[in-house]
Amino acid sequence: MAKGENMFSIDQVKATAKSSVKTLIFPESYDDRMVQAAAAIAHEGWAEVVLLGNPDFIETRRKALDVDLRRVKTI
């Protein structure tokens, strides 16, 4: 795989999720990209989203990133 090349595209993930996946779990809640992705996926409504991690930390990142996580479950 070439440097910077993704293993899969977001379109592939969306297509799979829309057809069969009901819940996506992100254990990397310390990664801002995962928090942003969780917010976007929940907003678009193509899967339930769960962020694993410290709820206080996730809330701090949510505020800093200015994203809506109301539809995202945190555990």
C-alpha atoms as a PDB file:
ATOM      1  CA  MET A   1       0.000   0.000   0.000  1.00  0.00           C
ATOM      2  CA  ALA A   2       1.390   3.405  -0.960  1.00  0.00           C
ATOM      3  CA  LYS A   3       2.119   6.007   1.674  1.00  0.00           C
ATOM      4  CA  GLY A   4      -1.024   7.974   2.543  1.00  0.00           C
ATOM      5  CA  GLU A   5      -3.296   5.447   0.832  1.00  0.00           C
ATOM      6  CA  ASN A   6      -6.315   4.329   2.871  1.00  0.00           C
ATOM      7  CA  MET A   7      -7.199   0.673   3.269  1.00  0.00           C
ATOM      8  CA  PHE A   8     -10.807   1.534   2.444  1.00  0.00           C
ATOM      9  CA  SER A   9     -12.787   4.570   1.397  1.00  0.00           C
ATOM     10  CA  ILE A  10     -15.518   6.273   3.373  1.00  0.00           C
ATOM     11  CA  ASP A  11     -17.897   5.469   0.507  1.00  0.00           C
ATOM     12  CA  GLN A  12     -17.169   1.754   0.942  1.00  0.00           C
ATOM     13  CA  VAL A  13     -17.798   2.003   4.678  1.00  0.00           C
ATOM     14  CA  LYS A  14     -21.058   3.900   4.113  1.00  0.00           C
ATOM     15  CA  ALA A  15     -22.308   1.379   1.562  1.00  0.00           C
ATOM     16  CA  THR A  16     -21.559  -1.518   3.891  1.00  0.00           C
ATOM     17  CA  ALA A  17     -23.053   0.226   6.905  1.00  0.00           C
ATOM     18  CA  LYS A  18     -26.224   1.199   5.104  1.00  0.00           C
ATOM     19  CA  SER A  19     -26.777  -2.371   3.990  1.00  0.00           C
ATOM     20  CA  SER A  20     -25.829  -4.346   7.078  1.00  0.00           C
ATOM     21  CA  VAL A  21     -24.038  -2.564   9.920  1.00  0.00           C
ATOM     22  CA  LYS A  22     -26.272  -1.227  12.641  1.00  0.00           C
ATOM     23  CA  THR A  23     -23.647  -0.060  15.155  1.00  0.00           C
ATOM     24  CA  LEU A  24     -20.112   1.252  14.770  1.00  0.00           C
ATOM     25  CA  ILE A  25     -17.869   1.262  17.831  1.00  0.00           C
ATOM     26  CA  PHE A  26     -14.878   3.583  17.983  1.00  0.00           C
ATOM     27  CA  PRO A  27     -12.425   2.631  20.739  1.00  0.00           C
ATOM     28  CA  GLU A  28     -10.083   5.487  19.757  1.00  0.00           C
ATOM     29  CA  SER A  29     -12.034   8.308  21.411  1.00  0.00           C
ATOM     30  CA  TYR A  30      -8.715  10.014  22.242  1.00  0.00           C
ATOM     31  CA  ASP A  31      -8.262  10.654  18.497  1.00  0.00           C
ATOM     32  CA  ASP A  32      -9.979  13.838  17.331  1.00  0.00           C
ATOM     33  CA  ARG A  33     -10.561  12.308  13.898  1.00  0.00           C
ATOM     34  CA  MET A  34     -12.613   9.524  15.474  1.00  0.00           C
ATOM     35  CA  VAL A  35     -14.693  12.003  17.473  1.00  0.00           C
ATOM     36  CA  GLN A  36     -15.349  13.991  14.296  1.00  0.00           C
ATOM     37  CA  ALA A  37     -16.181  10.833  12.339  1.00  0.00           C
ATOM     38  CA  ALA A  38     -18.551   9.657  15.065  1.00  0.00           C
ATOM     39  CA  ALA A  39     -20.366  12.994  14.981  1.00  0.00           C
ATOM     40  CA  ALA A  40     -20.635  12.973  11.179  1.00  0.00           C
ATOM     41  CA  ILE A  41     -21.878   9.379  10.991  1.00  0.00           C
ATOM     42  CA  ALA A  42     -24.469   9.940  13.708  1.00  0.00           C
ATOM     43  CA  HIS A  43     -25.611  13.155  12.025  1.00  0.00           C
ATOM     44  CA  GLU A  44     -26.020  11.397   8.672  1.00  0.00           C
ATOM     45  CA  GLY A  45     -27.859   8.565  10.418  1.00  0.00           C
ATOM     46  CA  TRP A  46     -26.403   5.591   8.575  1.00  0.00           C
ATOM     47  CA  ALA A  47     -25.348   3.765  11.733  1.00  0.00           C
ATOM     48  CA  GLU A  48     -25.567   3.926  15.511  1.00  0.00           C
ATOM     49  CA  VAL A  49     -22.256   5.138  16.933  1.00  0.00           C
ATOM     50  CA  VAL A  50     -20.526   4.323  20.208  1.00  0.00           C
ATOM     51  CA  LEU A  51     -17.368   6.049  21.461  1.00  0.00           C
ATOM     52  CA  LEU A  52     -15.422   4.104  24.065  1.00  0.00           C
ATOM     53  CA  GLY A  53     -13.544   6.184  26.589  1.00  0.00           C
ATOM     54  CA  ASN A  54     -13.724   8.579  29.472  1.00  0.00           C
ATOM     55  CA  PRO A  55     -16.962  10.577  29.088  1.00  0.00           C
ATOM     56  CA  ASP A  56     -15.405  13.711  30.610  1.00  0.00           C
ATOM     57  CA  PHE A  57     -12.493  13.572  28.153  1.00  0.00           C
ATOM     58  CA  ILE A  58     -14.862  12.978  25.229  1.00  0.00           C
ATOM     59  CA  GLU A  59     -16.964  15.958  26.305  1.00  0.00           C
ATOM     60  CA  THR A  60     -13.856  18.140  26.507  1.00  0.00           C
ATOM     61  CA  ARG A  61     -12.851  17.108  22.976  1.00  0.00           C
ATOM     62  CA  ARG A  62     -16.425  17.602  21.727  1.00  0.00           C
ATOM     63  CA  LYS A  63     -16.408  21.182  22.951  1.00  0.00           C
ATOM     64  CA  ALA A  64     -12.937  21.871  21.545  1.00  0.00           C
ATOM     65  CA  LEU A  65     -13.917  20.430  18.157  1.00  0.00           C
ATOM     66  CA  ASP A  66     -17.377  22.015  18.234  1.00  0.00           C
ATOM     67  CA  VAL A  67     -19.167  18.834  17.140  1.00  0.00           C
ATOM     68  CA  ASP A  68     -22.585  17.443  18.045  1.00  0.00           C
ATOM     69  CA  LEU A  69     -22.411  14.118  19.869  1.00  0.00           C
ATOM     70  CA  ARG A  70     -26.020  14.035  21.089  1.00  0.00           C
ATOM     71  CA  ARG A  71     -26.717  11.011  18.875  1.00  0.00           C
ATOM     72  CA  VAL A  72     -23.486   9.255  19.912  1.00  0.00           C
ATOM     73  CA  LYS A  73     -23.404   6.899  22.871  1.00  0.00           C
ATOM     74  CA  THR A  74     -20.319   7.076  25.099  1.00  0.00           C
ATOM     75  CA  ILE A  75     -19.194   4.169  27.243  1.00  0.00           C
END
